[in-house]
Amino acid sequence: MLGVKARPTSSDSPKAEVGEIDTRAPFESVKAAVSLFGEVAFSGEKSASRKPKASTSEKTFAIESKLHLAQKELNKYKEQLYNAETTRVQALSELDKAKKAVEELSIKLNSINESKEEAIKATEAAKARAKQLQEASPSEHTKNGSWELELDSAREQYAVALFKLDTAKQELRRIRKEFEASMEAKVTAIHQEFEAKQLTDANKEKAAQLAKDIAAVQESLVHVKLATEQAQRDESKIHLEKESRKHSYKIALQERETKLASLKKDFDPQLHQDLKKKLEETEAEIHAIQKQMKDAKASDLESIAMVTTELDGAKEVLQKVVDEETSLRSEVESFKLQLKP
């Protein structure tokens, strides 16, 4: 910030006597006056105008940083959402596979159960036939010599039925294991699908909230940029106005200085002293005449009128000089106040 330059004072300059008119110029030149008042006024204004601009820039940078972080966070949630959705799709695919495997195993289980029932029935029939043949009488054996063949056949059927039954039991155990594994896979797939859905819903909510936050930040950024542009326009306008005022003050100061120089040129201090002395002498004469009039109780009206007219004229001249001095001082002081920041 520019410093305020103090007006130099001289300790050697003579002090004005009481009743005398100070004819010294308030400024050495117009340039000195402009540099004195203009620099003070505009230095404060420049520093004041820079502060809001810096504050606005910091606010814009903070909002842009917040927007960048929010967009980065949103991209992260979008990636998580995509991964969760992929996991969910895979879990649903595994669940469908598990459902199909369960259905296939259920069909196989029903088929094995039917084969088991048939094997049990065949075994029971073979056992009953073998028992029947063993309990038959010798006469019946003689009648039908093929009973041994029948018994062997029944035994073979029984053995085949037992083999089928054992095979069915083994297949049943295998299917049960596959079924249990399929059910575990199904439960795992359902659990994964549930977790993926929860994560997807949570990420969707976070992404939606972040999108709202980003929209709000973008709107704030637009407002800040508009405010910045408006502040810059206002600053330019104020700068132009101040330049215009500065120019007008410079012209006015030149006019005042010219007028002051003219008054100083026209003003004669010696004449002022002569008028003042003449006024004192005239007043003394008036007092003397008044005393003479009082003592003599006679008056010369024409002489008194002439003296009074001269006195009044002298007073008027003196009063005009004093009024011009007062007016000039008032204009200079007023102009000083106008130039102050």
Protein backbone atom coordinates (compact mmCIF):
# COMPACT_ATOMS: atom_id res chain seq x y z
CA MET A 1 0.00 0.00 0.00
CA LEU A 2 1.23 3.47 -0.83
CA GLY A 3 2.07 5.68 2.11
CA VAL A 4 0.59 9.09 2.76
CA LYS A 5 3.07 11.82 2.05
CA ALA A 6 3.00 14.52 4.71
CA ARG A 7 3.02 18.09 3.58
CA PRO A 8 6.44 19.55 4.38
CA THR A 9 6.49 22.29 6.98
CA SER A 10 9.22 24.83 7.54
CA SER A 11 10.10 26.01 11.01
CA ASP A 12 11.73 29.11 9.52
CA SER A 13 8.58 30.37 7.83
CA PRO A 14 7.31 33.55 9.47
CA LYS A 15 4.03 33.32 11.34
CA ALA A 16 1.21 35.52 10.09
CA GLU A 17 0.38 38.37 12.38
CA VAL A 18 -3.14 38.62 13.76
CA GLY A 19 -5.33 40.66 11.41
CA GLU A 20 -3.05 40.15 8.41
CA ILE A 21 -4.09 38.22 5.30
CA ASP A 22 -2.00 35.08 4.59
CA THR A 23 -1.07 35.46 0.94
CA ARG A 24 1.14 32.35 0.76
CA ALA A 25 0.07 29.67 -1.72
CA PRO A 26 -1.30 26.54 0.00
CA PHE A 27 0.57 24.35 -2.52
CA GLU A 28 3.75 24.90 -4.42
CA SER A 29 2.04 23.81 -7.64
CA VAL A 30 -0.97 21.96 -9.03
CA LYS A 31 1.15 18.82 -9.42
CA ALA A 32 2.07 18.95 -5.72
CA ALA A 33 -1.60 19.27 -4.73
CA VAL A 34 -2.65 16.36 -6.95
CA SER A 35 0.20 14.17 -5.70
CA LEU A 36 -0.70 15.05 -2.09
CA PHE A 37 -4.46 14.45 -2.17
CA GLY A 38 -4.75 12.13 -5.18
CA GLU A 39 -2.19 9.65 -3.87
CA VAL A 40 -3.87 9.49 -0.47
CA ALA A 41 -7.34 9.01 -1.95
CA PHE A 42 -6.49 6.46 -4.59
CA SER A 43 -3.98 4.43 -2.56
CA GLY A 44 -6.66 3.50 -0.04
CA GLU A 45 -9.17 2.82 -2.80
CA LYS A 46 -6.78 0.56 -4.69
CA SER A 47 -5.95 -1.48 -1.60
CA ALA A 48 -9.64 -1.71 -0.72
CA SER A 49 -10.53 -2.88 -4.21
CA ARG A 50 -7.82 -5.54 -4.23
CA LYS A 51 -8.97 -7.25 -1.04
CA PRO A 52 -12.43 -8.33 -2.30
CA LYS A 53 -10.84 -9.55 -5.52
CA ALA A 54 -8.37 -11.74 -3.61
CA SER A 55 -11.17 -13.01 -1.35
CA THR A 56 -13.34 -13.88 -4.36
CA SER A 57 -10.46 -15.74 -6.00
CA GLU A 58 -9.87 -17.76 -2.84
CA LYS A 59 -13.58 -18.58 -2.61
CA THR A 60 -13.66 -19.66 -6.27
CA PHE A 61 -10.59 -21.85 -5.78
CA ALA A 62 -12.12 -23.45 -2.66
CA ILE A 63 -15.37 -24.22 -4.49
CA GLU A 64 -13.51 -25.63 -7.51
CA SER A 65 -11.41 -27.84 -5.19
CA LYS A 66 -14.56 -29.06 -3.46
CA LEU A 67 -16.15 -29.78 -6.84
CA HIS A 68 -13.06 -31.72 -7.98
CA LEU A 69 -13.08 -33.84 -4.80
CA ALA A 70 -16.82 -34.49 -5.12
CA GLN A 71 -16.43 -35.57 -8.75
CA LYS A 72 -13.54 -37.83 -7.78
CA GLU A 73 -15.66 -39.34 -4.98
CA LEU A 74 -18.55 -39.79 -7.40
CA ASN A 75 -16.32 -41.63 -9.88
CA LYS A 76 -15.18 -43.91 -7.06
CA TYR A 77 -18.77 -44.71 -6.09
CA LYS A 78 -19.64 -45.29 -9.74
CA GLU A 79 -16.80 -47.79 -10.00
CA GLN A 80 -17.96 -49.51 -6.81
CA LEU A 81 -21.48 -49.53 -8.16
CA TYR A 82 -20.29 -51.13 -11.40
CA ASN A 83 -18.32 -53.78 -9.47
CA ALA A 84 -21.28 -54.48 -7.19
CA GLU A 85 -23.59 -54.78 -10.19
CA THR A 86 -21.14 -57.17 -11.86
CA THR A 87 -20.94 -59.24 -8.68
CA ARG A 88 -24.72 -59.26 -8.45
CA VAL A 89 -25.06 -60.45 -12.05
CA GLN A 90 -22.51 -63.19 -11.42
CA ALA A 91 -24.31 -64.21 -8.23
CA LEU A 92 -27.63 -64.36 -10.08
CA SER A 93 -25.98 -66.49 -12.78
CA GLU A 94 -24.57 -68.84 -10.13
CA LEU A 95 -27.98 -68.95 -8.48
CA ASP A 96 -29.61 -69.93 -11.76
CA LYS A 97 -27.00 -72.64 -12.26
CA ALA A 98 -27.58 -73.90 -8.72
CA LYS A 99 -31.34 -73.94 -9.30
CA LYS A 100 -30.90 -75.94 -12.51
CA ALA A 101 -28.51 -78.34 -10.76
CA VAL A 102 -31.02 -78.84 -7.93
CA GLU A 103 -33.77 -79.51 -10.45
CA GLU A 104 -31.59 -82.03 -12.31
CA LEU A 105 -30.58 -83.70 -9.04
CA SER A 106 -34.22 -83.81 -7.96
CA ILE A 107 -35.11 -85.58 -11.23
CA LYS A 108 -32.20 -88.01 -10.75
CA LEU A 109 -33.23 -88.56 -7.15
CA ASN A 110 -36.77 -89.41 -8.18
CA SER A 111 -35.43 -91.79 -10.84
CA ILE A 112 -33.10 -93.46 -8.32
CA ASN A 113 -35.92 -93.75 -5.84
CA GLU A 114 -38.07 -95.43 -8.50
CA SER A 115 -35.19 -97.78 -9.40
CA LYS A 116 -34.71 -98.47 -5.71
CA GLU A 117 -38.37 -99.30 -5.28
CA GLU A 118 -38.28 -101.58 -8.34
CA ALA A 119 -35.11 -103.29 -7.05
CA ILE A 120 -36.68 -103.79 -3.64
CA LYS A 121 -39.81 -105.23 -5.24
CA ALA A 122 -37.73 -107.51 -7.50
CA THR A 123 -35.64 -108.63 -4.51
CA GLU A 124 -38.71 -109.38 -2.46
CA ALA A 125 -40.23 -111.31 -5.39
CA ALA A 126 -37.01 -113.30 -5.90
CA LYS A 127 -36.76 -114.08 -2.19
CA ALA A 128 -40.39 -115.18 -2.12
CA ARG A 129 -39.93 -117.36 -5.23
CA ALA A 130 -36.77 -118.97 -3.84
CA LYS A 131 -38.47 -119.68 -0.56
CA GLN A 132 -41.44 -121.11 -2.38
CA LEU A 133 -39.22 -123.42 -4.42
CA GLN A 134 -37.28 -124.54 -1.36
CA GLU A 135 -40.46 -125.39 0.52
CA ALA A 136 -41.98 -127.32 -2.42
CA SER A 137 -42.53 -131.12 -1.93
CA PRO A 138 -40.29 -133.77 -3.67
CA SER A 139 -43.23 -134.89 -5.78
CA GLU A 140 -43.52 -131.40 -7.14
CA HIS A 141 -39.79 -131.39 -7.78
CA THR A 142 -40.13 -134.62 -9.74
CA LYS A 143 -43.01 -133.29 -11.73
CA ASN A 144 -41.09 -130.32 -12.75
CA GLY A 145 -37.41 -131.03 -13.16
CA SER A 146 -36.70 -127.46 -13.95
CA TRP A 147 -37.22 -126.27 -10.38
CA GLU A 148 -33.49 -126.11 -9.86
CA LEU A 149 -33.16 -123.89 -12.89
CA GLU A 150 -35.94 -121.75 -11.56
CA LEU A 151 -34.23 -121.51 -8.20
CA ASP A 152 -30.96 -120.57 -9.81
CA SER A 153 -32.77 -118.01 -11.90
CA ALA A 154 -34.48 -116.65 -8.82
CA ARG A 155 -31.15 -116.49 -7.03
CA GLU A 156 -29.60 -114.64 -9.97
CA GLN A 157 -32.53 -112.22 -10.05
CA TYR A 158 -32.12 -111.77 -6.33
CA ALA A 159 -28.39 -111.10 -6.74
CA VAL A 160 -29.08 -108.67 -9.59
CA ALA A 161 -31.74 -106.96 -7.54
CA LEU A 162 -29.33 -106.68 -4.59
CA PHE A 163 -26.67 -105.25 -6.93
CA LYS A 164 -29.12 -102.73 -8.36
CA LEU A 165 -30.23 -101.85 -4.85
CA ASP A 166 -26.64 -101.34 -3.73
CA THR A 167 -25.91 -99.28 -6.87
CA ALA A 168 -29.03 -97.23 -6.24
CA LYS A 169 -27.93 -96.60 -2.65
CA GLN A 170 -24.47 -95.48 -3.81
CA GLU A 171 -26.01 -93.24 -6.47
CA LEU A 172 -28.39 -91.88 -3.87
CA ARG A 173 -25.51 -91.03 -1.52
CA ARG A 174 -23.64 -89.36 -4.40
CA ILE A 175 -26.73 -87.38 -5.41
CA ARG A 176 -27.26 -86.33 -1.79
CA LYS A 177 -23.71 -85.00 -1.64
CA GLU A 178 -24.17 -83.14 -4.93
CA PHE A 179 -27.51 -81.85 -3.70
CA GLU A 180 -25.99 -80.61 -0.45
CA ALA A 181 -23.15 -78.96 -2.41
CA SER A 182 -25.69 -77.39 -4.77
CA MET A 183 -27.73 -76.14 -1.85
CA GLU A 184 -24.61 -74.61 -0.28
CA ALA A 185 -23.77 -72.97 -3.60
CA LYS A 186 -27.36 -71.76 -3.83
CA VAL A 187 -27.25 -70.30 -0.32
CA THR A 188 -23.87 -68.66 -1.07
CA ALA A 189 -25.18 -67.25 -4.33
CA ILE A 190 -28.30 -65.90 -2.59
CA HIS A 191 -26.14 -64.33 0.12
CA GLN A 192 -23.80 -62.77 -2.47
CA GLU A 193 -26.75 -61.47 -4.47
CA PHE A 194 -28.26 -59.94 -1.31
CA GLU A 195 -24.97 -58.26 -0.32
CA ALA A 196 -24.41 -57.05 -3.87
CA LYS A 197 -27.93 -55.61 -3.96
CA GLN A 198 -27.41 -53.84 -0.63
CA LEU A 199 -24.07 -52.44 -1.82
CA THR A 200 -25.65 -51.39 -5.11
CA ASP A 201 -28.50 -49.60 -3.34
CA ALA A 202 -26.10 -47.88 -0.94
CA ASN A 203 -23.81 -46.78 -3.76
CA LYS A 204 -26.79 -45.56 -5.76
CA GLU A 205 -27.90 -43.40 -2.81
CA LYS A 206 -24.37 -42.08 -2.29
CA ALA A 207 -23.96 -41.41 -6.00
CA ALA A 208 -27.32 -39.59 -6.11
CA GLN A 209 -26.39 -37.49 -3.07
CA LEU A 210 -22.99 -36.70 -4.54
CA ALA A 211 -24.62 -35.74 -7.83
CA LYS A 212 -26.86 -33.32 -5.90
CA ASP A 213 -23.84 -31.93 -4.03
CA ILE A 214 -21.93 -31.50 -7.29
CA ALA A 215 -24.91 -29.72 -8.86
CA ALA A 216 -25.12 -27.41 -5.82
CA VAL A 217 -21.37 -26.72 -5.94
CA GLN A 218 -21.53 -26.05 -9.68
CA GLU A 219 -24.41 -23.62 -9.10
CA SER A 220 -22.41 -21.91 -6.33
CA LEU A 221 -19.42 -21.73 -8.65
CA VAL A 222 -21.56 -20.09 -11.33
CA HIS A 223 -22.83 -17.55 -8.77
CA VAL A 224 -19.29 -16.86 -7.58
CA LYS A 225 -18.04 -16.39 -11.14
CA LEU A 226 -20.95 -14.05 -11.89
CA ALA A 227 -20.23 -12.14 -8.68
CA THR A 228 -16.55 -11.97 -9.63
CA GLU A 229 -17.37 -10.62 -13.08
CA GLN A 230 -19.79 -8.09 -11.57
CA ALA A 231 -17.15 -7.05 -9.01
CA GLN A 232 -14.61 -6.60 -11.80
CA ARG A 233 -17.09 -4.50 -13.78
CA ASP A 234 -17.87 -2.43 -10.68
CA GLU A 235 -14.17 -2.04 -10.00
CA SER A 236 -13.56 -0.83 -13.55
CA LYS A 237 -16.51 1.55 -13.29
CA ILE A 238 -15.26 2.92 -9.96
CA HIS A 239 -11.77 3.28 -11.38
CA LEU A 240 -13.11 5.26 -14.35
CA GLU A 241 -15.22 7.44 -12.06
CA LYS A 242 -12.24 8.12 -9.85
CA GLU A 243 -10.07 8.96 -12.80
CA SER A 244 -12.78 11.34 -13.98
CA ARG A 245 -13.05 12.93 -10.52
CA LYS A 246 -9.29 13.13 -10.30
CA HIS A 247 -9.18 14.96 -13.63
CA SER A 248 -11.99 17.32 -12.60
CA TYR A 249 -10.25 18.00 -9.27
CA LYS A 250 -7.04 18.74 -11.13
CA ILE A 251 -8.81 21.23 -13.40
CA ALA A 252 -10.63 22.80 -10.43
CA LEU A 253 -7.36 23.07 -8.53
CA GLN A 254 -5.73 24.78 -11.49
CA GLU A 255 -8.64 27.23 -11.67
CA ARG A 256 -8.41 27.93 -7.92
CA GLU A 257 -4.68 28.39 -8.17
CA THR A 258 -5.10 30.78 -11.10
CA LYS A 259 -7.76 32.72 -9.21
CA LEU A 260 -5.61 32.79 -6.09
CA ALA A 261 -2.65 34.09 -8.08
CA SER A 262 -4.87 36.77 -9.61
CA LEU A 263 -6.15 37.83 -6.20
CA LYS A 264 -2.65 37.87 -4.82
CA LYS A 265 -1.60 40.03 -7.75
CA ASP A 266 -4.47 42.47 -7.26
CA PHE A 267 -4.13 42.60 -3.50
CA ASP A 268 -1.78 45.33 -2.15
CA PRO A 269 -0.79 44.86 1.50
CA GLN A 270 0.48 48.42 1.70
CA LEU A 271 -2.89 49.72 0.54
CA HIS A 272 -4.52 47.62 3.23
CA GLN A 273 -2.28 49.12 5.88
CA ASP A 274 -2.91 52.65 4.55
CA LEU A 275 -6.68 52.10 4.61
CA LYS A 276 -6.50 50.71 8.10
CA LYS A 277 -4.43 53.69 9.24
CA LYS A 278 -6.74 56.11 7.49
CA LEU A 279 -9.72 54.42 9.16
CA GLU A 280 -8.13 54.85 12.57
CA GLU A 281 -7.35 58.50 11.83
CA THR A 282 -10.88 59.06 10.58
CA GLU A 283 -12.37 57.49 13.70
CA ALA A 284 -10.13 59.71 15.81
CA GLU A 285 -11.27 62.77 13.87
CA ILE A 286 -14.91 61.70 14.33
CA HIS A 287 -14.40 61.45 18.07
CA ALA A 288 -12.74 64.85 18.06
CA ILE A 289 -15.54 66.39 16.01
CA GLN A 290 -18.17 64.77 18.23
CA LYS A 291 -16.42 66.26 21.24
CA GLN A 292 -16.26 69.64 19.57
CA MET A 293 -19.94 69.35 18.67
CA LYS A 294 -20.77 68.44 22.23
CA ASP A 295 -18.73 71.30 23.62
CA ALA A 296 -19.83 73.91 21.10
CA LYS A 297 -23.36 72.56 20.71
CA ALA A 298 -23.13 73.50 17.08
CA SER A 299 -22.53 71.37 14.09
CA ASP A 300 -21.58 71.75 10.57
CA LEU A 301 -23.88 69.16 8.96
CA GLU A 302 -22.20 69.31 5.60
CA SER A 303 -18.73 68.71 7.08
CA ILE A 304 -19.97 65.85 9.22
CA ALA A 305 -21.76 64.27 6.25
CA MET A 306 -18.62 64.46 4.13
CA VAL A 307 -16.46 62.92 6.85
CA THR A 308 -19.07 60.23 7.49
CA THR A 309 -19.25 59.42 3.78
CA GLU A 310 -15.49 59.08 3.58
CA LEU A 311 -15.52 56.90 6.67
CA ASP A 312 -18.26 54.68 5.27
CA GLY A 313 -16.41 54.38 1.99
CA ALA A 314 -13.22 53.42 3.77
CA LYS A 315 -15.12 50.85 5.83
CA GLU A 316 -16.72 49.38 2.73
CA VAL A 317 -13.36 49.06 0.96
CA LEU A 318 -11.84 47.41 4.01
CA GLN A 319 -14.82 45.08 4.43
CA LYS A 320 -14.63 44.03 0.76
CA VAL A 321 -10.96 43.17 1.18
CA VAL A 322 -11.72 41.16 4.32
CA ASP A 323 -14.67 39.39 2.62
CA GLU A 324 -12.54 38.48 -0.39
CA GLU A 325 -9.88 37.10 1.93
CA THR A 326 -12.47 35.06 3.87
CA SER A 327 -14.09 33.76 0.66
CA LEU A 328 -10.74 32.76 -0.76
CA ARG A 329 -9.78 30.91 2.42
CA SER A 330 -13.15 29.12 2.46
CA GLU A 331 -12.74 27.98 -1.16
CA VAL A 332 -9.24 26.67 -0.47
CA GLU A 333 -10.37 24.79 2.67
CA SER A 334 -13.41 23.38 0.84
CA PHE A 335 -11.25 22.17 -2.00
CA LYS A 336 -8.86 20.53 0.49
CA LEU A 337 -11.79 18.66 2.03
CA GLN A 338 -12.96 17.52 -1.41
CA LEU A 339 -9.54 16.11 -2.20
CA LYS A 340 -9.33 14.14 1.01
CA PRO A 341 -10.07 10.34 0.62
